[in-house]
Amino acid sequence: MEPIALIAITVVIAMLGIFLAYYLTKLRFETRFRQWQETEGWKWQTEIEKARKEAITQSRAVLGGKFVEQLAPYLPDFKYDPTEARFIGSPIDLIVFPGLATGNPQEIVIIEVKTGKTSHLTPEERKIRQLIEDGMVRWELIQQSSE
């Protein structure tokens, strides 16, 4: 055989080897990528479902808490006359005027209702509590003219 033919056959075999190695490597990496994609897709789907369930649970807890805040004067543990309680909602829940029903209010009670396992005051609620405890409460009358 002629040397040129041998070189041509060697080049063709080398090219086929390179071509085959390229496609086998490509196939291997594409397969690994698809497996990774499926695994990550499953993880993401699981995380999305978990986040949705947590969001629903949290939403129900918040709505339940808001319901209890408004219902608190009518619950058995409430130690004041429900007719003397006024719902405010934010930043405090209730103001109670004990004795108001008899026409003789004795004090003003500010109540924050908390539900759930971890019932912590917000920074604003703590500040309001501190202002009340420090006596930083006053009466103000706003009188509008009838014109």
Protein backbone atom coordinates (compact mmCIF):
# COMPACT_ATOMS: atom_id res chain seq x y z
CA MET A 1 0.00 0.00 0.00
CA GLU A 2 1.12 3.48 -0.73
CA PRO A 3 2.16 5.78 2.11
CA ILE A 4 -0.43 8.40 1.12
CA ALA A 5 -3.20 5.80 1.32
CA LEU A 6 -1.93 4.72 4.74
CA ILE A 7 -1.91 8.31 5.95
CA ALA A 8 -5.41 8.85 4.56
CA ILE A 9 -6.72 5.70 6.26
CA THR A 10 -5.02 6.70 9.52
CA VAL A 11 -6.51 10.20 9.32
CA VAL A 12 -9.98 8.78 8.59
CA ILE A 13 -9.69 6.32 11.51
CA ALA A 14 -8.45 9.11 13.79
CA MET A 15 -11.31 11.36 12.69
CA LEU A 16 -13.81 8.55 13.32
CA GLY A 17 -12.25 7.99 16.74
CA ILE A 18 -12.46 11.69 17.59
CA PHE A 19 -16.02 11.85 16.24
CA LEU A 20 -17.02 8.75 18.22
CA ALA A 21 -15.33 10.03 21.41
CA TYR A 22 -17.09 13.42 20.99
CA TYR A 23 -20.55 11.90 20.61
CA LEU A 24 -20.06 9.35 23.41
CA THR A 25 -18.86 12.12 25.74
CA LYS A 26 -21.73 14.36 24.65
CA LEU A 27 -24.23 11.54 25.22
CA ARG A 28 -22.78 10.82 28.67
CA PHE A 29 -22.95 14.47 29.75
CA GLU A 30 -26.44 14.96 28.32
CA THR A 31 -27.63 11.89 30.21
CA ARG A 32 -26.06 13.16 33.44
CA PHE A 33 -27.57 16.61 32.83
CA ARG A 34 -31.06 15.13 32.31
CA GLN A 35 -30.72 13.10 35.51
CA TRP A 36 -29.59 16.21 37.40
CA GLN A 37 -32.45 18.20 35.87
CA GLU A 38 -35.00 15.58 36.94
CA THR A 39 -33.55 15.41 40.45
CA GLU A 40 -33.50 19.19 40.85
CA GLY A 41 -36.96 19.49 39.33
CA TRP A 42 -38.27 17.02 41.89
CA LYS A 43 -36.51 18.91 44.70
CA TRP A 44 -37.93 22.23 43.50
CA GLN A 45 -41.41 20.77 43.19
CA THR A 46 -41.14 19.38 46.74
CA GLU A 47 -39.92 22.74 48.05
CA ILE A 48 -42.72 24.60 46.25
CA GLU A 49 -45.35 22.26 47.71
CA LYS A 50 -43.81 22.63 51.17
CA ALA A 51 -43.75 26.44 50.85
CA ARG A 52 -47.39 26.47 49.73
CA LYS A 53 -48.45 24.32 52.68
CA GLU A 54 -46.50 26.55 55.09
CA ALA A 55 -48.06 29.67 53.55
CA ILE A 56 -51.55 28.22 53.93
CA THR A 57 -50.85 27.17 57.52
CA GLN A 58 -49.44 30.61 58.35
CA SER A 59 -52.37 32.35 56.68
CA ARG A 60 -54.84 30.25 58.64
CA ALA A 61 -53.00 31.02 61.87
CA VAL A 62 -53.07 34.76 61.16
CA LEU A 63 -56.76 34.70 60.23
CA GLY A 64 -57.55 32.60 63.29
CA GLY A 65 -55.63 35.05 65.47
CA LYS A 66 -57.53 38.01 64.03
CA PHE A 67 -60.79 36.18 64.61
CA VAL A 68 -59.89 35.45 68.24
CA GLU A 69 -58.87 39.10 68.76
CA GLN A 70 -62.37 40.25 67.85
CA LEU A 71 -64.07 37.38 69.64
CA ALA A 72 -62.01 37.71 72.86
CA PRO A 73 -64.61 39.74 74.81
CA TYR A 74 -67.10 36.89 74.40
CA LEU A 75 -64.78 34.06 75.45
CA PRO A 76 -65.07 32.54 78.95
CA ASP A 77 -61.59 33.72 80.05
CA PHE A 78 -62.38 37.40 79.41
CA LYS A 79 -62.77 38.97 82.86
CA TYR A 80 -64.55 42.16 81.79
CA ASP A 81 -68.06 42.95 80.62
CA PRO A 82 -68.03 42.52 76.81
CA THR A 83 -70.25 45.60 76.40
CA GLU A 84 -67.47 47.71 77.92
CA ALA A 85 -64.81 46.53 75.43
CA ARG A 86 -64.00 48.31 72.19
CA PHE A 87 -62.08 46.59 69.43
CA ILE A 88 -59.31 48.71 67.91
CA GLY A 89 -57.30 46.07 66.04
CA SER A 90 -54.03 47.86 65.46
CA PRO A 91 -51.64 48.66 67.05
CA ILE A 92 -53.54 47.34 70.08
CA ASP A 93 -56.52 45.01 70.07
CA LEU A 94 -58.97 46.19 72.72
CA ILE A 95 -59.68 49.04 75.07
CA VAL A 96 -61.91 48.15 78.01
CA PHE A 97 -63.68 50.67 80.22
CA PRO A 98 -64.66 48.68 83.36
CA GLY A 99 -67.81 50.17 84.92
CA LEU A 100 -68.92 51.92 81.72
CA ALA A 101 -72.08 49.80 81.47
CA THR A 102 -73.24 51.10 84.87
CA GLY A 103 -72.29 54.69 84.00
CA ASN A 104 -69.35 54.70 86.40
CA PRO A 105 -66.08 53.85 84.56
CA GLN A 106 -63.29 53.11 87.05
CA GLU A 107 -60.25 52.65 84.81
CA ILE A 108 -59.11 52.13 81.24
CA VAL A 109 -57.56 48.78 80.33
CA ILE A 110 -55.61 48.33 77.11
CA ILE A 111 -55.50 44.70 75.98
CA GLU A 112 -53.38 42.92 73.39
CA VAL A 113 -54.68 39.45 72.47
CA LYS A 114 -52.14 36.83 71.41
CA THR A 115 -52.75 33.31 70.14
CA GLY A 116 -50.43 30.47 69.21
CA LYS A 117 -47.34 28.93 70.71
CA THR A 118 -45.03 31.89 70.21
CA SER A 119 -47.01 34.96 71.14
CA HIS A 120 -44.46 37.75 71.28
CA LEU A 121 -45.19 41.45 71.22
CA THR A 122 -44.06 43.32 68.14
CA PRO A 123 -41.56 46.16 68.67
CA GLU A 124 -44.42 48.67 68.28
CA GLU A 125 -46.55 46.82 70.85
CA ARG A 126 -43.63 46.73 73.31
CA LYS A 127 -43.12 50.47 72.81
CA ILE A 128 -46.82 51.18 73.45
CA ARG A 129 -46.72 49.02 76.59
CA GLN A 130 -43.67 50.94 77.79
CA LEU A 131 -45.35 54.30 77.09
CA ILE A 132 -48.40 53.22 79.11
CA GLU A 133 -46.24 51.92 81.96
CA ASP A 134 -44.29 55.21 81.95
CA GLY A 135 -47.55 57.18 82.23
CA MET A 136 -47.16 58.76 78.79
CA VAL A 137 -50.93 58.78 78.25
CA ARG A 138 -53.10 61.89 78.08
CA TRP A 139 -56.59 63.09 77.29
CA GLU A 140 -57.27 65.42 74.41
CA LEU A 141 -60.55 66.97 73.28
CA ILE A 142 -61.06 68.03 69.69
CA GLN A 143 -64.10 70.23 69.31
CA GLN A 144 -65.25 71.12 65.85
CA SER A 145 -67.32 74.17 65.13
CA SER A 146 -70.77 73.51 63.74
CA GLU A 147 -70.27 75.75 60.70
